[in-house]
Each structure stands twice: as structure tokens, then as C-alpha cells.
Amino acid sequence: MPEQTHAHAPARPQDGPAPGTATGAEFWDARYRESERIWSGNANAVLVREIEGVTPGRALDLGSGEGGDAVWLARRGWRVTATDISAVALERAAAHAAEAGVGDRIDWQRHDLAESFPAGEFDLVTASFLHSYGDFPRERILRTAAASVAPGGILLIVGHAGWADWQENTHPEVRFPTPEQVVAELELPEGAWEVLLAEEHERAQDRPDGRPGTRTDNAVKVRRLR
């Protein structure tokens, strides 16, 4: 998906190649092999802001990439299940976790979320920049994510609000829902959930030529009440 180079909010790809190319796993494995590191290794800024003070429990990180968010959570006492479609990304993430001294707190699982989903119930489920090219059932995956949240737990979804102004939209099939659309498409049972956050925000991101730029993202945070 659209790359994000902001030092504190690395976007992470998930399932699906550009149309007419390799399978999702092959596409993202090849993407990660292009360089020794794709993302910054730091946690997403929205995750840090929204989860910093939450009592640790069991967390699920969807599209974990090279492990920045999962390692940050584990360092703060969370037991993390982290999943990605790319075996290359998961190998790097596991090495990152071992270097950080939290390898025993993270269960790395390889999933194509369009086909399979980690088992269990979690106090926090986070999905950061879970966009992709092609036929990617994002809405269904996020509904499955909501169903895996334990009573009292939180679902945090961070996404792009659109293409950056320096990017050419060559993939019209990619959809960027508004925060309100994300909440509606979760189909949360009335009275069972509380919406804590649904908003757009701007952040700094360097352009490909190194000049400073900005782009708009959005975030949705909901709590399961029962």
C-alpha cells in the first residue's frame, strides 16, 4: 500500500499484490527483500498516544510488518500475538523483538487475513494501515477483528484518508473510507460498543525527493462494553 516514511508512524503492508502480479505472500516477501529495512522500527504514533496508559493484557497486532508496534507493546507488558502475510517481515520482526529482549512475549503468526485469522480473544486489537491492492476484504477482516475483542477491550484502526498529493492514483480499486464509514462498516451491535475516537489527522511525511510534506490519515478507537 502507499508507503509511509514518518519516523514515528510506519505504515505496514498487508495481504495482496497489485493486480496481475504474484500472490499476496510472494508480492510482500519480494517487497521486503528490496532493502534490509522498510519501516522505521518505531511504534505508530497513534498507537502510542491512544494506548500508552492502558493496562496491559493480551494484544493482537494485524499486519505487524517488521514488528515496531508489537515490540513497543511487549516492552510495556503486553502479551502480543502479531501476524503478517510476509515470512520475510516476520523473520525481521522476531529478530527485532529478540534484540529488544521481548522475544518471549510475542507470538509471531503468518496469516493471509483474507483466508485465516489468529485464534483467541484479546484486550487490544490494532490494525494500522491495513489497505491493499486488488480484491482485499478489509471490511470483513475488521469485523472479524472486532469479534475477537474481549469485553472491556479496545479495537484501534489507523488508516490513510487518501493518496498523498505526490502519489499518482494508479489503483482506483483501493478505497479509503472515512472514520464514520469505518465505524458503520464494523456493524457493531447497538449498546455493546462505545466509540472513543473517530477522526482525521494530518502528519508530516517526507516526499520521495526528500522535501517535507504532509498527508491525512484517520483513526477509529472503539471499546467493547459487553
C-alpha atoms as a PDB file:
ATOM      1  CA  MET A   1       0.000   0.000   0.000  1.00  0.00           C
ATOM      2  CA  PRO A   2       1.040   3.641  -0.043  1.00  0.00           C
ATOM      3  CA  GLU A   3       4.323   3.878   1.758  1.00  0.00           C
ATOM      4  CA  GLN A   4       4.734   5.988   4.838  1.00  0.00           C
ATOM      5  CA  THR A   5       8.119   7.200   5.980  1.00  0.00           C
ATOM      6  CA  HIS A   6       7.201   9.208   9.075  1.00  0.00           C
ATOM      7  CA  ALA A   7       9.661   8.133  11.753  1.00  0.00           C
ATOM      8  CA  HIS A   8       7.017   7.521  14.409  1.00  0.00           C
ATOM      9  CA  ALA A   9       4.215   6.018  12.340  1.00  0.00           C
ATOM     10  CA  PRO A  10       5.418   3.384   9.924  1.00  0.00           C
ATOM     11  CA  ALA A  11       2.704   2.077   7.671  1.00  0.00           C
ATOM     12  CA  ARG A  12       2.810  -1.623   7.124  1.00  0.00           C
ATOM     13  CA  PRO A  13       1.589  -3.543   4.112  1.00  0.00           C
ATOM     14  CA  GLN A  14      -0.797  -6.444   4.302  1.00  0.00           C
ATOM     15  CA  ASP A  15      -2.352  -9.002   2.039  1.00  0.00           C
ATOM     16  CA  GLY A  16      -2.461  -8.587  -1.683  1.00  0.00           C
ATOM     17  CA  PRO A  17      -0.389  -7.811  -4.730  1.00  0.00           C
ATOM     18  CA  ALA A  18      -1.007  -5.267  -7.398  1.00  0.00           C
ATOM     19  CA  PRO A  19      -3.448  -6.737  -9.917  1.00  0.00           C
ATOM     20  CA  GLY A  20      -1.961  -9.248 -12.325  1.00  0.00           C
ATOM     21  CA  THR A  21       1.236  -9.896 -10.357  1.00  0.00           C
ATOM     22  CA  ALA A  22       2.246 -12.514  -7.766  1.00  0.00           C
ATOM     23  CA  THR A  23       0.249 -13.869  -4.876  1.00  0.00           C
ATOM     24  CA  GLY A  24      -0.054 -11.722  -1.769  1.00  0.00           C
ATOM     25  CA  ALA A  25       2.679 -13.557   0.116  1.00  0.00           C
ATOM     26  CA  GLU A  26       5.052 -13.524  -2.864  1.00  0.00           C
ATOM     27  CA  PHE A  27       4.401  -9.844  -3.512  1.00  0.00           C
ATOM     28  CA  TRP A  28       5.105  -8.720   0.049  1.00  0.00           C
ATOM     29  CA  ASP A  29       8.070 -11.050   0.541  1.00  0.00           C
ATOM     30  CA  ALA A  30       9.618  -9.515  -2.584  1.00  0.00           C
ATOM     31  CA  ARG A  31       8.771  -6.020  -1.344  1.00  0.00           C
ATOM     32  CA  TYR A  32      10.566  -6.615   1.954  1.00  0.00           C
ATOM     33  CA  ARG A  33      13.598  -8.125   0.222  1.00  0.00           C
ATOM     34  CA  GLU A  34      14.123  -4.871  -1.686  1.00  0.00           C
ATOM     35  CA  SER A  35      16.007  -3.441   1.308  1.00  0.00           C
ATOM     36  CA  GLU A  36      17.275  -4.505   4.715  1.00  0.00           C
ATOM     37  CA  ARG A  37      14.607  -2.417   6.421  1.00  0.00           C
ATOM     38  CA  ILE A  38      11.394  -0.938   5.029  1.00  0.00           C
ATOM     39  CA  TRP A  39       9.944   0.827   8.083  1.00  0.00           C
ATOM     40  CA  SER A  40      11.475   2.812  10.934  1.00  0.00           C
ATOM     41  CA  GLY A  41      11.166   0.171  13.658  1.00  0.00           C
ATOM     42  CA  ASN A  42       9.331   2.651  15.877  1.00  0.00           C
ATOM     43  CA  ALA A  43       5.755   2.290  17.061  1.00  0.00           C
ATOM     44  CA  ASN A  44       2.924   4.033  15.269  1.00  0.00           C
ATOM     45  CA  ALA A  45       2.361   7.457  16.820  1.00  0.00           C
ATOM     46  CA  VAL A  46      -1.403   6.948  17.121  1.00  0.00           C
ATOM     47  CA  LEU A  47      -0.887   3.640  18.920  1.00  0.00           C
ATOM     48  CA  VAL A  48       1.484   5.301  21.383  1.00  0.00           C
ATOM     49  CA  ARG A  49      -0.902   8.189  22.000  1.00  0.00           C
ATOM     50  CA  GLU A  50      -4.021   6.074  22.443  1.00  0.00           C
ATOM     51  CA  ILE A  51      -2.640   3.015  24.268  1.00  0.00           C
ATOM     52  CA  GLU A  52       0.189   4.436  26.410  1.00  0.00           C
ATOM     53  CA  GLY A  53      -1.875   4.435  29.612  1.00  0.00           C
ATOM     54  CA  VAL A  54      -3.950   1.294  29.014  1.00  0.00           C
ATOM     55  CA  THR A  55      -3.420  -1.587  31.447  1.00  0.00           C
ATOM     56  CA  PRO A  56      -1.514  -4.332  29.600  1.00  0.00           C
ATOM     57  CA  GLY A  57      -3.212  -7.593  28.725  1.00  0.00           C
ATOM     58  CA  ARG A  58      -3.403  -9.689  25.559  1.00  0.00           C
ATOM     59  CA  ALA A  59      -2.905  -7.806  22.286  1.00  0.00           C
ATOM     60  CA  LEU A  60      -3.313  -8.722  18.621  1.00  0.00           C
ATOM     61  CA  ASP A  61      -1.355  -6.760  16.014  1.00  0.00           C
ATOM     62  CA  LEU A  62      -2.755  -7.224  12.499  1.00  0.00           C
ATOM     63  CA  GLY A  63      -0.280  -6.614   9.670  1.00  0.00           C
ATOM     64  CA  SER A  64       2.678  -6.447  12.045  1.00  0.00           C
ATOM     65  CA  GLY A  65       5.339  -5.823   9.396  1.00  0.00           C
ATOM     66  CA  GLU A  66       8.822  -5.581  10.871  1.00  0.00           C
ATOM     67  CA  GLY A  67       7.425  -5.509  14.396  1.00  0.00           C
ATOM     68  CA  GLY A  68       7.605  -1.904  15.593  1.00  0.00           C
ATOM     69  CA  ASP A  69       4.161  -1.860  17.215  1.00  0.00           C
ATOM     70  CA  ALA A  70       4.391  -5.395  18.627  1.00  0.00           C
ATOM     71  CA  VAL A  71       7.762  -4.712  20.251  1.00  0.00           C
ATOM     72  CA  TRP A  72       6.514  -1.440  21.739  1.00  0.00           C
ATOM     73  CA  LEU A  73       3.509  -3.230  23.242  1.00  0.00           C
ATOM     74  CA  ALA A  74       5.620  -6.090  24.597  1.00  0.00           C
ATOM     75  CA  ARG A  75       8.025  -3.651  26.238  1.00  0.00           C
ATOM     76  CA  ARG A  76       5.062  -2.243  28.143  1.00  0.00           C
ATOM     77  CA  GLY A  77       3.935  -5.583  29.464  1.00  0.00           C
ATOM     78  CA  TRP A  78       1.512  -6.781  26.802  1.00  0.00           C
ATOM     79  CA  ARG A  79       1.411 -10.402  25.650  1.00  0.00           C
ATOM     80  CA  VAL A  80       1.254  -9.950  21.887  1.00  0.00           C
ATOM     81  CA  THR A  81       0.083 -12.093  19.007  1.00  0.00           C
ATOM     82  CA  ALA A  82       1.467 -10.466  15.857  1.00  0.00           C
ATOM     83  CA  THR A  83       0.548 -11.532  12.343  1.00  0.00           C
ATOM     84  CA  ASP A  84       1.626 -10.664   8.827  1.00  0.00           C
ATOM     85  CA  ILE A  85       1.397 -12.274   5.398  1.00  0.00           C
ATOM     86  CA  SER A  86       5.132 -11.936   4.763  1.00  0.00           C
ATOM     87  CA  ALA A  87       7.528 -14.535   6.165  1.00  0.00           C
ATOM     88  CA  VAL A  88      10.384 -12.116   5.472  1.00  0.00           C
ATOM     89  CA  ALA A  89       8.742  -9.419   7.595  1.00  0.00           C
ATOM     90  CA  LEU A  90       8.005 -11.864  10.415  1.00  0.00           C
ATOM     91  CA  GLU A  91      11.617 -13.072  10.473  1.00  0.00           C
ATOM     92  CA  ARG A  92      12.866  -9.495  10.766  1.00  0.00           C
ATOM     93  CA  ALA A  93      10.259  -8.714  13.422  1.00  0.00           C
ATOM     94  CA  ALA A  94      11.286 -11.703  15.518  1.00  0.00           C
ATOM     95  CA  ALA A  95      14.925 -10.577  15.326  1.00  0.00           C
ATOM     96  CA  HIS A  96      13.876  -7.059  16.393  1.00  0.00           C
ATOM     97  CA  ALA A  97      11.963  -8.481  19.354  1.00  0.00           C
ATOM     98  CA  ALA A  98      14.906 -10.657  20.410  1.00  0.00           C
ATOM     99  CA  GLU A  99      17.267  -7.669  20.280  1.00  0.00           C
ATOM    100  CA  ALA A 100      14.792  -5.699  22.401  1.00  0.00           C
ATOM    101  CA  GLY A 101      14.642  -8.503  24.964  1.00  0.00           C
ATOM    102  CA  VAL A 102      10.927  -9.209  24.472  1.00  0.00           C
ATOM    103  CA  GLY A 103      11.030 -12.173  22.112  1.00  0.00           C
ATOM    104  CA  ASP A 104       9.307 -14.395  24.672  1.00  0.00           C
ATOM    105  CA  ARG A 105       6.324 -12.016  24.895  1.00  0.00           C
ATOM    106  CA  ILE A 106       5.344 -12.122  21.219  1.00  0.00           C
ATOM    107  CA  ASP A 107       3.795 -14.965  19.244  1.00  0.00           C
ATOM    108  CA  TRP A 108       4.554 -14.370  15.551  1.00  0.00           C
ATOM    109  CA  GLN A 109       1.998 -15.939  13.206  1.00  0.00           C
ATOM    110  CA  ARG A 110       1.830 -15.919   9.427  1.00  0.00           C
ATOM    111  CA  HIS A 111      -1.682 -15.325   8.087  1.00  0.00           C
ATOM    112  CA  ASP A 112      -3.276 -14.149   4.890  1.00  0.00           C
ATOM    113  CA  LEU A 113      -6.095 -12.382   6.717  1.00  0.00           C
ATOM    114  CA  ALA A 114      -8.382 -12.869   3.747  1.00  0.00           C
ATOM    115  CA  GLU A 115      -8.087 -16.617   4.390  1.00  0.00           C
ATOM    116  CA  SER A 116      -7.296 -17.145   8.078  1.00  0.00           C
ATOM    117  CA  PHE A 117      -7.262 -15.228  11.352  1.00  0.00           C
ATOM    118  CA  PRO A 118      -5.436 -15.726  14.687  1.00  0.00           C
ATOM    119  CA  ALA A 119      -7.468 -17.610  17.270  1.00  0.00           C
ATOM    120  CA  GLY A 120      -8.287 -16.207  20.679  1.00  0.00           C
ATOM    121  CA  GLU A 121      -9.796 -13.236  22.468  1.00  0.00           C
ATOM    122  CA  PHE A 122      -7.797 -10.065  23.066  1.00  0.00           C
ATOM    123  CA  ASP A 123      -7.870  -6.980  25.277  1.00  0.00           C
ATOM    124  CA  LEU A 124      -6.459  -4.906  22.407  1.00  0.00           C
ATOM    125  CA  VAL A 125      -6.659  -5.448  18.667  1.00  0.00           C
ATOM    126  CA  THR A 126      -4.785  -2.993  16.488  1.00  0.00           C
ATOM    127  CA  ALA A 127      -4.793  -2.668  12.694  1.00  0.00           C
ATOM    128  CA  SER A 128      -2.542   0.037  11.272  1.00  0.00           C
ATOM    129  CA  PHE A 129      -2.752   0.918   7.555  1.00  0.00           C
ATOM    130  CA  LEU A 130      -4.476  -2.321   6.641  1.00  0.00           C
ATOM    131  CA  HIS A 131      -5.002  -1.385   2.998  1.00  0.00           C
ATOM    132  CA  SER A 132      -4.066  -3.325  -0.097  1.00  0.00           C
ATOM    133  CA  TYR A 133      -4.390  -3.527  -3.846  1.00  0.00           C
ATOM    134  CA  GLY A 134      -6.726  -5.896  -5.620  1.00  0.00           C
ATOM    135  CA  ASP A 135      -9.615  -7.799  -4.077  1.00  0.00           C
ATOM    136  CA  PHE A 136      -8.932  -7.309  -0.369  1.00  0.00           C
ATOM    137  CA  PRO A 137     -11.862  -7.844   2.064  1.00  0.00           C
ATOM    138  CA  ARG A 138     -10.808  -5.152   4.540  1.00  0.00           C
ATOM    139  CA  GLU A 139     -14.304  -4.591   5.951  1.00  0.00           C
ATOM    140  CA  ARG A 140     -14.812  -8.300   6.649  1.00  0.00           C
ATOM    141  CA  ILE A 141     -11.378  -8.591   8.243  1.00  0.00           C
ATOM    142  CA  LEU A 142     -12.049  -5.638  10.546  1.00  0.00           C
ATOM    143  CA  ARG A 143     -15.402  -7.123  11.580  1.00  0.00           C
ATOM    144  CA  THR A 144     -13.561 -10.332  12.455  1.00  0.00           C
ATOM    145  CA  ALA A 145     -11.083  -8.214  14.403  1.00  0.00           C
ATOM    146  CA  ALA A 146     -13.924  -6.626  16.375  1.00  0.00           C
ATOM    147  CA  ALA A 147     -15.348 -10.054  17.161  1.00  0.00           C
ATOM    148  CA  SER A 148     -12.012 -11.061  18.696  1.00  0.00           C
ATOM    149  CA  VAL A 149     -12.030  -8.187  21.222  1.00  0.00           C
ATOM    150  CA  ALA A 150     -12.778  -9.269  24.797  1.00  0.00           C
ATOM    151  CA  PRO A 151     -15.412  -7.404  26.876  1.00  0.00           C
ATOM    152  CA  GLY A 152     -13.788  -4.192  28.089  1.00  0.00           C
ATOM    153  CA  GLY A 153     -11.182  -4.392  25.328  1.00  0.00           C
ATOM    154  CA  ILE A 154     -10.253  -1.935  22.589  1.00  0.00           C
ATOM    155  CA  LEU A 155     -10.092  -2.064  18.799  1.00  0.00           C
ATOM    156  CA  LEU A 156      -7.803   0.583  17.274  1.00  0.00           C
ATOM    157  CA  ILE A 157      -7.826   1.100  13.491  1.00  0.00           C
ATOM    158  CA  VAL A 158      -5.472   3.568  11.793  1.00  0.00           C
ATOM    159  CA  GLY A 159      -5.631   4.160   8.052  1.00  0.00           C
ATOM    160  CA  HIS A 160      -4.848   6.520   5.220  1.00  0.00           C
ATOM    161  CA  ALA A 161      -7.571   9.022   4.328  1.00  0.00           C
ATOM    162  CA  GLY A 162      -6.443   9.022   0.680  1.00  0.00           C
ATOM    163  CA  TRP A 163      -3.427   9.089  -1.587  1.00  0.00           C
ATOM    164  CA  ALA A 164      -0.703  11.589  -0.770  1.00  0.00           C
ATOM    165  CA  ASP A 165      -0.739  14.599  -3.094  1.00  0.00           C
ATOM    166  CA  TRP A 166       2.553  13.473  -4.671  1.00  0.00           C
ATOM    167  CA  GLN A 167       1.280   9.960  -5.442  1.00  0.00           C
ATOM    168  CA  GLU A 168      -0.370   9.002  -8.686  1.00  0.00           C
ATOM    169  CA  ASN A 169      -3.579   7.021  -8.166  1.00  0.00           C
ATOM    170  CA  THR A 170      -2.917   4.044 -10.405  1.00  0.00           C
ATOM    171  CA  HIS A 171      -5.094   1.698  -8.314  1.00  0.00           C
ATOM    172  CA  PRO A 172      -8.673   3.005  -8.370  1.00  0.00           C
ATOM    173  CA  GLU A 173      -9.873  -0.199  -6.705  1.00  0.00           C
ATOM    174  CA  VAL A 174      -8.248   0.901  -3.447  1.00  0.00           C
ATOM    175  CA  ARG A 175     -10.800   2.506  -1.140  1.00  0.00           C
ATOM    176  CA  PHE A 176     -10.037   4.881   1.728  1.00  0.00           C
ATOM    177  CA  PRO A 177     -13.110   5.043   3.997  1.00  0.00           C
ATOM    178  CA  THR A 178     -13.785   7.950   6.328  1.00  0.00           C
ATOM    179  CA  PRO A 179     -13.728   7.326  10.092  1.00  0.00           C
ATOM    180  CA  GLU A 180     -17.533   7.361  10.102  1.00  0.00           C
ATOM    181  CA  GLN A 181     -17.602   4.772   7.326  1.00  0.00           C
ATOM    182  CA  VAL A 182     -15.142   2.578   9.210  1.00  0.00           C
ATOM    183  CA  VAL A 183     -17.376   2.633  12.291  1.00  0.00           C
ATOM    184  CA  ALA A 184     -20.508   1.894  10.237  1.00  0.00           C
ATOM    185  CA  GLU A 185     -18.852  -0.975   8.352  1.00  0.00           C
ATOM    186  CA  LEU A 186     -17.823  -2.648  11.623  1.00  0.00           C
ATOM    187  CA  GLU A 187     -21.554  -3.322  12.166  1.00  0.00           C
ATOM    188  CA  LEU A 188     -21.143  -3.133  15.935  1.00  0.00           C
ATOM    189  CA  PRO A 189     -24.172  -4.311  17.936  1.00  0.00           C
ATOM    190  CA  GLU A 190     -26.031  -1.370  19.437  1.00  0.00           C
ATOM    191  CA  GLY A 191     -25.293  -0.857  23.106  1.00  0.00           C
ATOM    192  CA  ALA A 192     -22.374  -3.274  23.080  1.00  0.00           C
ATOM    193  CA  TRP A 193     -19.665  -0.841  21.987  1.00  0.00           C
ATOM    194  CA  GLU A 194     -18.501   2.694  22.774  1.00  0.00           C
ATOM    195  CA  VAL A 195     -16.864   4.893  20.126  1.00  0.00           C
ATOM    196  CA  LEU A 196     -13.919   6.644  21.790  1.00  0.00           C
ATOM    197  CA  LEU A 197     -12.319   8.191  18.705  1.00  0.00           C
ATOM    198  CA  ALA A 198     -13.268   8.676  15.047  1.00  0.00           C
ATOM    199  CA  GLU A 199     -11.301  11.460  13.408  1.00  0.00           C
ATOM    200  CA  GLU A 200      -8.892  12.501  10.662  1.00  0.00           C
ATOM    201  CA  HIS A 201      -5.479  13.984  11.385  1.00  0.00           C
ATOM    202  CA  GLU A 202      -2.546  15.356   9.440  1.00  0.00           C
ATOM    203  CA  ARG A 203       1.022  14.243   9.936  1.00  0.00           C
ATOM    204  CA  ALA A 204       4.396  15.016   8.479  1.00  0.00           C
ATOM    205  CA  GLN A 205       5.813  12.740   5.810  1.00  0.00           C
ATOM    206  CA  ASP A 206       8.808  13.383   3.609  1.00  0.00           C
ATOM    207  CA  ARG A 207       8.211  13.271  -0.115  1.00  0.00           C
ATOM    208  CA  PRO A 208      10.219  10.821  -2.260  1.00  0.00           C
ATOM    209  CA  ASP A 209      12.632  13.636  -3.189  1.00  0.00           C
ATOM    210  CA  GLY A 210      13.275  14.364   0.495  1.00  0.00           C
ATOM    211  CA  ARG A 211      11.241  17.551   0.714  1.00  0.00           C
ATOM    212  CA  PRO A 212       8.918  17.786   3.729  1.00  0.00           C
ATOM    213  CA  GLY A 213       5.263  17.080   3.124  1.00  0.00           C
ATOM    214  CA  THR A 214       2.047  16.197   4.931  1.00  0.00           C
ATOM    215  CA  ARG A 215      -0.675  13.654   4.422  1.00  0.00           C
ATOM    216  CA  THR A 216      -4.009  12.912   6.040  1.00  0.00           C
ATOM    217  CA  ASP A 217      -4.744   9.733   7.978  1.00  0.00           C
ATOM    218  CA  ASN A 218      -7.622   8.708  10.178  1.00  0.00           C
ATOM    219  CA  ALA A 219      -8.148   6.724  13.348  1.00  0.00           C
ATOM    220  CA  VAL A 220     -11.016   4.839  14.941  1.00  0.00           C
ATOM    221  CA  LYS A 221     -10.921   3.593  18.529  1.00  0.00           C
ATOM    222  CA  VAL A 222     -13.847   1.625  19.972  1.00  0.00           C
ATOM    223  CA  ARG A 223     -14.306  -0.206  23.272  1.00  0.00           C
ATOM    224  CA  ARG A 224     -16.367  -3.336  23.707  1.00  0.00           C
ATOM    225  CA  LEU A 225     -18.721  -2.920  26.661  1.00  0.00           C
ATOM    226  CA  ARG A 226     -20.093  -6.448  26.876  1.00  0.00           C
END
